[in-house]
Protein backbone atom coordinates (compact mmCIF):
# COMPACT_ATOMS: atom_id res chain seq x y z
CA MET A 1 -64.52 30.99 103.25
CA PRO A 2 -61.14 31.04 101.25
CA GLN A 3 -58.50 33.89 101.95
CA GLU A 4 -57.30 36.54 99.69
CA ALA A 5 -53.78 36.59 99.05
CA PRO A 6 -51.64 38.31 100.37
CA GLY A 7 -50.80 41.69 98.49
CA ARG A 8 -52.54 44.37 97.05
CA PRO A 9 -56.28 45.09 97.59
CA GLU A 10 -58.48 43.73 94.96
CA GLU A 11 -59.40 46.11 91.72
CA GLY A 12 -63.43 46.42 91.40
CA THR A 13 -65.92 49.02 91.38
CA ASP A 14 -65.63 48.53 95.29
CA ALA A 15 -61.67 49.52 95.41
CA PRO A 16 -61.29 53.67 95.01
CA SER A 17 -58.06 55.14 94.32
CA GLY A 18 -58.02 56.65 97.59
CA ARG A 19 -59.34 56.21 100.95
CA GLY A 20 -62.20 57.81 101.91
CA ARG A 21 -64.67 57.33 104.24
CA THR A 22 -66.98 54.30 105.37
CA VAL A 23 -70.07 54.00 107.11
CA ILE A 24 -71.31 50.68 108.11
CA VAL A 25 -75.09 51.28 109.00
CA VAL A 26 -76.43 47.76 110.65
CA ILE A 27 -80.17 47.77 110.57
CA ASP A 28 -80.40 45.18 113.45
CA GLY A 29 -82.93 42.37 112.59
CA PHE A 30 -83.46 43.60 108.88
CA GLY A 31 -83.97 41.00 106.87
CA ILE A 32 -85.23 40.59 103.51
CA GLY A 33 -86.69 37.00 102.73
CA ALA A 34 -85.97 33.91 104.14
CA MET A 35 -82.55 31.69 103.46
CA PRO A 36 -82.90 27.99 102.40
CA ASP A 37 -82.80 26.40 105.50
CA ALA A 38 -84.63 28.78 107.66
CA GLY A 39 -87.56 26.64 108.77
CA ALA A 40 -84.79 24.11 110.28
CA LEU A 41 -85.89 24.98 113.75
CA ARG A 42 -89.38 26.17 113.07
CA PRO A 43 -90.84 25.32 109.91
CA GLY A 44 -93.03 28.49 110.46
CA ASP A 45 -90.30 30.46 109.96
CA ALA A 46 -89.70 29.26 105.92
CA ALA A 47 -92.27 32.10 105.30
CA ALA A 48 -90.18 34.90 107.01
CA ASP A 49 -89.70 38.37 105.34
CA THR A 50 -89.01 41.11 107.61
CA CYS A 51 -89.07 43.72 105.10
CA GLY A 52 -91.83 42.82 103.01
CA HIS A 53 -94.20 42.01 105.92
CA VAL A 54 -93.24 44.97 107.62
CA LEU A 55 -94.21 46.76 104.45
CA ASP A 56 -97.40 44.94 104.10
CA HIS A 57 -98.63 45.48 107.66
CA ALA A 58 -97.46 49.26 107.50
CA ARG A 59 -99.84 49.77 104.79
CA GLU A 60 -102.72 48.67 106.55
CA ALA A 61 -102.23 50.18 109.90
CA PHE A 62 -101.32 53.65 108.85
CA GLY A 63 -103.31 53.85 105.15
CA ARG A 64 -100.46 54.91 103.18
CA PRO A 65 -97.04 53.63 102.27
CA LEU A 66 -94.05 53.05 104.10
CA ARG A 67 -91.71 56.54 103.43
CA LEU A 68 -88.47 54.93 102.76
CA PRO A 69 -87.48 56.81 99.79
CA VAL A 70 -83.67 56.87 101.04
CA LEU A 71 -83.61 52.95 101.49
CA GLY A 72 -85.74 52.65 97.78
CA ALA A 73 -82.80 54.90 96.50
CA LEU A 74 -79.78 52.64 97.96
CA GLY A 75 -81.21 49.62 95.92
CA LEU A 76 -83.24 47.80 98.22
CA GLY A 77 -86.14 47.61 95.90
CA LEU A 78 -84.09 46.03 93.26
CA VAL A 79 -82.94 43.27 96.07
CA HIS A 80 -86.47 43.39 97.22
CA PRO A 81 -88.99 44.21 94.79
CA HIS A 82 -92.14 45.21 96.41
CA ARG A 83 -94.75 47.60 95.20
CA ASP A 84 -93.73 50.21 98.23
CA LEU A 85 -90.25 50.52 97.05
CA ALA A 86 -88.60 52.44 94.32
CA ARG A 87 -87.32 50.19 91.20
CA ARG A 88 -85.10 52.75 89.74
CA THR A 89 -82.47 55.06 91.30
CA ARG A 90 -80.31 57.48 90.35
CA LEU A 91 -77.98 57.46 92.55
CA PRO A 92 -74.24 55.62 92.29
CA VAL A 93 -74.90 52.16 94.11
CA ALA A 94 -74.24 49.12 94.39
CA ALA A 95 -76.92 46.56 95.80
CA GLY A 96 -77.18 42.88 96.60
CA ARG A 97 -77.96 40.45 99.58
CA ALA A 98 -75.89 38.18 101.72
CA ALA A 99 -76.48 34.98 103.53
CA LEU A 100 -76.01 35.46 107.24
CA GLY A 101 -72.63 32.55 107.42
CA TYR A 102 -72.88 31.37 110.51
CA PRO A 103 -76.00 29.31 112.58
CA GLY A 104 -78.80 30.47 113.93
CA ALA A 105 -79.84 34.37 114.03
CA ASP A 106 -77.82 36.49 116.44
CA THR A 107 -76.79 39.57 116.76
CA PHE A 108 -73.37 38.99 118.23
CA ALA A 109 -72.42 36.38 115.55
CA GLY A 110 -73.41 38.42 112.70
CA HIS A 111 -71.30 41.36 113.84
CA GLN A 112 -68.22 39.33 114.52
CA THR A 113 -69.08 37.11 111.25
CA MET A 114 -69.61 40.86 109.17
CA MET A 115 -65.46 42.25 110.68
CA GLY A 116 -64.06 39.10 109.58
CA ALA A 117 -64.46 36.28 111.90
CA ASP A 118 -65.38 32.94 111.46
CA PHE A 119 -68.35 32.23 113.50
CA SER A 120 -69.21 28.85 111.59
CA ARG A 121 -69.34 26.88 114.34
CA VAL A 122 -71.06 27.84 117.65
CA THR A 123 -71.92 25.25 120.09
CA VAL A 124 -75.98 25.35 121.40
CA ALA A 125 -76.73 24.25 125.12
CA ARG A 126 -79.24 24.78 127.48
CA LEU A 127 -78.42 26.76 131.31
CA ALA A 128 -80.03 23.72 132.49
CA ASP A 129 -77.53 20.93 130.99
CA HIS A 130 -74.54 22.72 132.13
CA LEU A 131 -76.57 23.69 136.24
CA ALA A 132 -73.26 21.83 138.21
CA GLN A 133 -71.05 22.85 136.38
CA VAL A 134 -71.47 26.69 136.23
CA THR A 135 -72.52 26.59 140.09
CA ALA A 136 -69.34 25.01 140.97
CA ALA A 137 -67.82 27.73 138.93
CA LEU A 138 -69.44 30.50 141.03
CA ARG A 139 -68.84 29.04 144.61
CA ALA A 140 -65.27 28.40 143.79
CA ALA A 141 -64.76 32.34 142.87
CA GLY A 142 -66.81 33.29 145.96
CA HIS A 143 -70.23 33.91 145.06
CA ARG A 144 -72.95 32.58 146.91
CA VAL A 145 -74.90 30.14 144.55
CA GLU A 146 -78.68 29.58 144.25
CA HIS A 147 -81.38 27.79 142.11
CA LEU A 148 -84.30 30.08 141.79
CA ASP A 149 -87.50 28.44 143.06
CA GLY A 150 -85.63 25.45 141.78
CA ARG A 151 -85.95 26.25 138.32
CA PRO A 152 -82.85 25.86 135.66
CA LEU A 153 -81.22 29.29 136.58
CA LEU A 154 -79.00 30.49 139.31
CA LEU A 155 -79.33 33.46 141.99
CA VAL A 156 -76.46 34.80 142.73
CA ASP A 157 -75.33 36.69 146.28
CA GLY A 158 -78.71 36.98 145.93
CA SER A 159 -79.13 39.84 143.19
CA VAL A 160 -77.70 38.39 139.57
CA LEU A 161 -79.41 36.01 137.80
CA VAL A 162 -77.84 33.76 135.38
CA HIS A 163 -80.42 32.23 133.08
CA ASP A 164 -80.82 31.41 129.12
CA ASN A 165 -81.29 34.52 126.97
CA LEU A 166 -84.72 34.24 125.28
CA GLU A 167 -84.13 37.39 123.01
CA ALA A 168 -82.11 34.54 120.73
CA ASP A 169 -82.45 30.84 119.45
CA PRO A 170 -83.03 28.04 122.37
CA GLY A 171 -79.27 27.69 124.12
CA ILE A 172 -77.46 30.47 121.84
CA ASN A 173 -76.46 32.52 124.42
CA TRP A 174 -76.83 32.94 128.22
CA ASN A 175 -77.67 36.09 130.51
CA ALA A 176 -76.27 37.11 134.16
CA SER A 177 -78.60 40.45 134.34
CA ALA A 178 -79.35 42.20 137.65
CA ARG A 179 -80.30 45.39 138.89
CA LEU A 180 -78.04 48.21 139.00
CA GLU A 181 -79.78 49.28 142.43
CA ASP A 182 -78.96 45.59 143.79
CA LEU A 183 -75.48 45.51 142.19
CA GLY A 184 -72.86 48.04 140.43
CA PHE A 185 -71.94 46.56 137.01
CA ASP A 186 -68.49 45.85 138.11
CA GLY A 187 -70.17 43.65 140.10
CA ILE A 188 -72.67 41.77 137.22
CA LEU A 189 -69.36 41.57 134.87
CA ALA A 190 -67.69 39.83 137.63
CA VAL A 191 -70.23 37.16 137.54
CA ALA A 192 -70.76 36.89 133.96
CA ARG A 193 -67.57 36.13 133.81
CA THR A 194 -66.92 33.47 136.02
CA VAL A 195 -69.84 31.85 133.74
CA ARG A 196 -67.53 32.94 130.54
CA ALA A 197 -64.82 30.53 131.36
CA VAL A 198 -66.97 27.53 131.51
CA ALA A 199 -69.64 28.33 129.19
CA PRO A 200 -69.77 26.30 125.83
CA VAL A 201 -72.29 29.04 123.94
CA ALA A 202 -71.61 31.35 121.56
CA ARG A 203 -72.15 34.46 124.08
CA VAL A 204 -72.37 35.42 127.76
CA ILE A 205 -74.15 38.67 128.03
CA ALA A 206 -73.68 40.96 131.18
CA VAL A 207 -76.55 42.87 131.72
CA GLY A 208 -77.80 45.80 134.23
CA GLY A 209 -80.34 48.72 134.77
CA HIS A 210 -83.66 49.64 135.71
CA ALA A 211 -86.51 47.54 135.89
CA ASP A 212 -90.30 47.61 136.76
CA GLY A 213 -89.76 45.68 139.91
CA PRO A 214 -87.48 42.77 141.32
CA LEU A 215 -86.18 40.29 138.27
CA ARG A 216 -87.83 37.32 139.62
CA GLY A 217 -91.22 38.90 138.84
CA PHE A 218 -89.89 38.33 135.14
CA VAL A 219 -89.12 34.75 134.67
CA ARG A 220 -90.67 32.88 132.13
CA GLU A 221 -89.85 29.63 130.01
CA GLY A 222 -88.95 30.11 126.53
CA ASP A 223 -88.89 27.49 123.98
CA GLY A 224 -86.66 24.54 123.92
CA GLY A 225 -86.59 23.70 127.94
CA THR A 226 -84.93 27.42 128.26
CA VAL A 227 -86.00 29.21 131.56
CA GLY A 228 -85.07 33.09 131.56
CA LEU A 229 -85.52 36.58 132.44
CA ASP A 230 -87.86 38.64 129.66
CA THR A 231 -85.48 41.13 129.29
CA PRO A 232 -87.99 43.53 127.24
CA ALA A 233 -91.04 42.83 129.97
CA SER A 234 -88.35 43.57 132.65
CA GLY A 235 -88.12 47.43 131.51
CA PHE A 236 -84.63 47.37 131.28
CA TYR A 237 -84.63 48.70 127.48
CA ARG A 238 -87.28 51.75 128.37
CA HIS A 239 -85.18 53.25 131.06
CA ASP A 240 -81.90 54.58 130.99
CA GLY A 241 -78.57 53.66 132.57
CA LEU A 242 -78.96 50.53 130.67
CA GLN A 243 -75.14 48.78 130.49
CA VAL A 244 -74.10 45.67 128.58
CA GLN A 245 -71.02 43.90 127.77
CA HIS A 246 -70.99 40.72 125.49
CA LEU A 247 -68.27 37.97 126.60
CA GLY A 248 -68.10 35.88 123.14
CA VAL A 249 -66.00 32.79 122.41
CA GLU A 250 -62.29 33.05 121.81
CA SER A 251 -61.54 35.03 118.47
CA ASP A 252 -58.89 37.17 117.43
CA HIS A 253 -59.80 40.38 117.10
CA THR A 254 -56.00 41.46 115.14
CA ARG A 255 -58.30 40.19 112.37
CA GLN A 256 -61.38 41.89 112.40
CA LEU A 257 -62.17 45.29 110.63
CA PRO A 258 -61.90 47.51 113.40
CA GLU A 259 -58.53 46.37 114.67
CA LEU A 260 -56.81 46.05 110.71
CA ALA A 261 -58.09 49.93 109.75
CA ALA A 262 -56.79 50.95 113.48
CA ARG A 263 -53.45 49.27 112.70
CA ALA A 264 -53.36 51.44 109.61
CA GLY A 265 -54.22 54.69 110.62
CA ILE A 266 -57.50 55.27 110.35
CA PRO A 267 -59.87 56.56 112.93
CA VAL A 268 -62.54 54.05 114.07
CA THR A 269 -65.55 54.95 115.73
CA LEU A 270 -68.60 52.18 117.14
CA VAL A 271 -71.64 53.18 117.89
CA GLY A 272 -74.79 51.84 119.15
CA LYS A 273 -74.91 47.88 119.90
CA ALA A 274 -71.62 47.71 117.59
CA ALA A 275 -70.07 49.94 120.25
CA ASP A 276 -71.00 47.09 123.54
CA ILE A 277 -69.88 44.15 121.29
CA LEU A 278 -66.88 44.81 118.46
CA ALA A 279 -63.14 44.85 119.93
CA CYS A 280 -61.23 47.40 118.93
CA GLY A 281 -58.84 49.08 121.94
CA ALA A 282 -58.24 52.43 119.87
CA ALA A 283 -61.76 52.69 118.66
CA VAL A 284 -64.04 55.73 119.70
CA ARG A 285 -67.14 54.03 121.44
CA ARG A 286 -70.73 55.48 121.05
CA PRO A 287 -73.11 53.35 122.76
CA ALA A 288 -76.41 54.05 122.48
CA VAL A 289 -79.84 52.79 122.04
CA PRO A 290 -82.62 55.60 121.10
CA THR A 291 -82.37 55.45 117.08
CA ALA A 292 -82.15 58.83 117.04
CA ASP A 293 -79.23 58.71 118.92
CA VAL A 294 -77.34 56.52 116.98
CA LEU A 295 -78.19 58.72 114.24
CA ALA A 296 -76.69 61.74 115.82
CA HIS A 297 -73.24 60.03 116.68
CA THR A 298 -73.04 58.50 113.27
CA MET A 299 -73.21 61.50 111.79
CA GLU A 300 -70.83 63.43 114.49
CA ALA A 301 -68.61 60.85 113.70
CA VAL A 302 -68.60 61.36 109.69
CA ARG A 303 -68.46 65.45 109.94
CA ALA A 304 -65.01 64.92 111.97
CA GLY A 305 -63.48 64.83 108.46
CA GLY A 306 -60.87 62.63 107.54
CA GLU A 307 -60.70 58.73 106.63
CA SER A 308 -62.75 56.47 108.83
CA LEU A 309 -64.27 53.78 109.35
CA VAL A 310 -67.64 53.88 111.09
CA VAL A 311 -70.09 50.72 112.00
CA ALA A 312 -72.95 51.71 113.78
CA ASN A 313 -76.17 49.28 114.58
CA VAL A 314 -79.64 50.31 114.95
CA GLN A 315 -80.98 48.55 117.88
CA GLU A 316 -84.48 49.35 117.95
CA SER A 317 -86.00 47.82 114.96
CA ASP A 318 -84.77 44.32 116.84
CA LEU A 319 -86.38 45.52 119.72
CA ALA A 320 -89.77 46.06 117.84
CA GLY A 321 -89.25 42.30 116.46
CA HIS A 322 -88.90 40.75 119.52
CA GLN A 323 -91.75 43.01 120.90
CA ARG A 324 -93.43 41.58 117.69
CA ASP A 325 -94.57 45.26 116.92
CA PRO A 326 -94.90 45.83 113.36
CA GLU A 327 -95.95 49.22 113.80
CA ARG A 328 -92.84 50.50 115.78
CA TYR A 329 -90.73 48.54 113.92
CA ALA A 330 -91.89 50.28 110.30
CA ARG A 331 -91.83 53.39 112.55
CA ILE A 332 -88.22 53.17 113.49
CA LEU A 333 -87.51 52.35 109.39
CA GLU A 334 -88.98 55.77 108.70
CA GLN A 335 -86.54 57.17 111.07
CA VAL A 336 -83.59 55.04 109.87
CA ASP A 337 -84.55 56.15 105.93
CA ALA A 338 -84.51 60.29 107.51
CA GLY A 339 -80.85 59.49 109.13
CA LEU A 340 -79.68 58.06 105.98
CA ALA A 341 -80.96 61.01 103.87
CA ALA A 342 -77.88 62.94 105.59
CA LEU A 343 -75.55 60.74 105.38
CA VAL A 344 -75.75 60.24 101.60
CA ALA A 345 -75.78 63.90 101.65
CA LEU A 346 -72.44 63.90 103.63
CA LEU A 347 -70.29 60.83 102.20
CA ASP A 348 -70.12 62.69 98.52
CA ARG A 349 -66.32 62.37 97.86
CA PRO A 350 -64.81 59.91 95.40
CA GLY A 351 -63.71 57.01 98.14
CA ASP A 352 -66.55 57.75 100.62
CA ARG A 353 -68.87 54.44 100.77
CA LEU A 354 -72.53 54.33 103.25
CA VAL A 355 -72.80 50.49 103.64
CA VAL A 356 -76.63 49.30 104.63
CA THR A 357 -77.41 46.09 105.73
CA GLY A 358 -78.42 43.71 108.69
CA ASP A 359 -77.20 41.14 110.76
CA HIS A 360 -79.95 38.69 110.50
CA GLY A 361 -84.16 38.82 110.61
CA ASN A 362 -86.36 39.43 113.19
CA ASP A 363 -90.16 39.19 111.39
CA PRO A 364 -92.97 40.67 113.90
CA THR A 365 -95.55 39.13 111.57
CA ILE A 366 -93.97 35.73 112.24
CA GLY A 367 -95.91 34.55 115.69
CA HIS A 368 -92.58 34.49 117.93
CA ALA A 369 -90.33 36.64 119.66
CA TYR A 370 -87.35 34.96 117.94
CA HIS A 371 -84.58 36.60 115.32
CA THR A 372 -85.50 34.82 111.80
CA ARG A 373 -83.06 33.39 109.70
CA GLU A 374 -83.19 35.76 106.76
CA TYR A 375 -80.48 36.94 103.97
CA VAL A 376 -79.89 40.57 104.90
CA PRO A 377 -79.84 43.40 102.20
CA VAL A 378 -76.00 44.96 101.13
CA LEU A 379 -76.56 48.32 99.60
CA ILE A 380 -73.59 50.65 98.79
CA HIS A 381 -73.37 54.14 98.25
CA ARG A 382 -70.56 54.39 95.85
CA PRO A 383 -69.59 58.23 94.77
CA GLY A 384 -67.91 58.34 91.86
CA VAL A 385 -68.78 55.09 90.56
CA PRO A 386 -70.92 55.52 87.63
CA GLY A 387 -74.27 53.28 87.25
CA VAL A 388 -76.25 51.09 89.07
CA GLU A 389 -74.66 47.62 89.73
CA LEU A 390 -76.73 44.61 91.10
CA LEU A 391 -74.16 42.57 93.19
CA PRO A 392 -73.90 38.65 92.75
CA ASP A 393 -75.13 36.93 96.55
CA ALA A 394 -72.51 37.06 99.54
CA GLU A 395 -72.00 33.80 100.88
CA SER A 396 -71.61 35.32 104.16
CA LEU A 397 -72.06 38.52 106.09
CA ALA A 398 -68.30 38.51 106.14
CA ASP A 399 -67.51 39.60 102.55
CA VAL A 400 -69.26 42.84 103.46
CA GLY A 401 -66.87 43.35 105.61
CA ALA A 402 -63.90 42.24 103.65
CA THR A 403 -65.45 44.46 100.72
CA ALA A 404 -65.49 47.27 103.29
CA ALA A 405 -61.84 46.63 103.91
CA VAL A 406 -61.27 47.30 100.30
CA ALA A 407 -62.84 50.65 100.06
CA LEU A 408 -60.58 51.70 102.96
CA GLY A 409 -57.76 50.44 100.55
CA LEU A 410 -56.81 47.58 103.26
CA ASP A 411 -55.51 43.92 102.09
CA PRO A 412 -58.90 41.31 102.91
CA ALA A 413 -56.07 38.59 103.66
CA GLY A 414 -55.73 40.47 106.88
CA LEU A 415 -59.17 39.64 108.24
CA ALA A 416 -59.80 36.06 109.57
CA ASN A 417 -62.66 35.08 107.20
CA GLY A 418 -64.27 36.60 103.98
CA ARG A 419 -63.28 38.04 100.36
CA ARG A 420 -64.80 41.41 98.51
CA ILE A 421 -67.77 40.84 96.67
CA PRO A 422 -67.49 39.73 93.14
CA ASP A 423 -68.36 43.07 90.58
CA GLY A 424 -72.02 42.61 89.54
CA VAL A 425 -74.33 43.34 86.34
CA PRO A 426 -75.51 46.82 85.65
CA ALA A 427 -79.53 47.37 86.69
């Protein structure tokens, strides 16, 4: 993306006179329709529409429309017209949609891009094609390594599985997973770091938790010749104590929004999965998976008062997509909507901003358990700015981060990628 010239932040509807509180709520896996290239990997994905299909399924399953009054008031129905979404609002909002700005559809790449990184080039690779190199690196680090049952994944020190990530598109990410009763998280992380040093993929994810049995019982084949742990089936997400750390490709985190805000003296809070995957040494971290906890931590950070940046990820929507469970997805959306009502009430000062968006799609009705490459909503509540505005399409999630930077009185030229979304037209 072209970079902004150094200097003052751009003027516009998202450039308030004084810094306030900016809250970015990422509904993980919440797409609003397929991007033009969505069917390149799987032709059926050209029909992906997470939002629309969940709304349609909910009306049939529940016998009523899904109750999303706040998302409707924030302009969701303006950018994704649907019979069950309001087409008018009296809130001071700007509403649009964003293309992803990175290949594939991935939570880590999505959040890094949104915060200002350039993830336009990531390498896609199966672990099977790099087994010798990874095995050599682990053995050189003193680990015992064997191929599990002769399949293209590794068992390290009798407890850690190194495998393809089956929740993302084939070859996007690798995992190092173990039960915490078998090995502490520091040990799992050490294995993941050794793998990261030689891995060509966007991220290596260290995962520790409590499963329903030995992990080898939850290994299955994925698409594209991948083999890995079926993490949702293992029970990791259902049991307490889950620990996750995402080790991404080299990126200049000093040129991402959290660090930019922290250097300007703005308190930063990272909530939910955002606490696991975003870098900022000064940030307060509130990791959580249950949506109620994510919303509670977000509210707590907003109530602290004073200028601030809060980035929160609602992960359970994405998990419902992976589980191909549109009814659970619908209930999570209603829970999120109720939480957004409280945030809209709190963020009532001129200069405050609430940005509701997504990182990719995850259509639970599409026929597979992978992410879908979709546009995501960009819904901005703007107290003190009169009227309702329809924004032009953003070329990248990085533009969402740059727009948030301007709202905080920061120069988006400090980010490695992205520019403020231009003014739109009255709705």
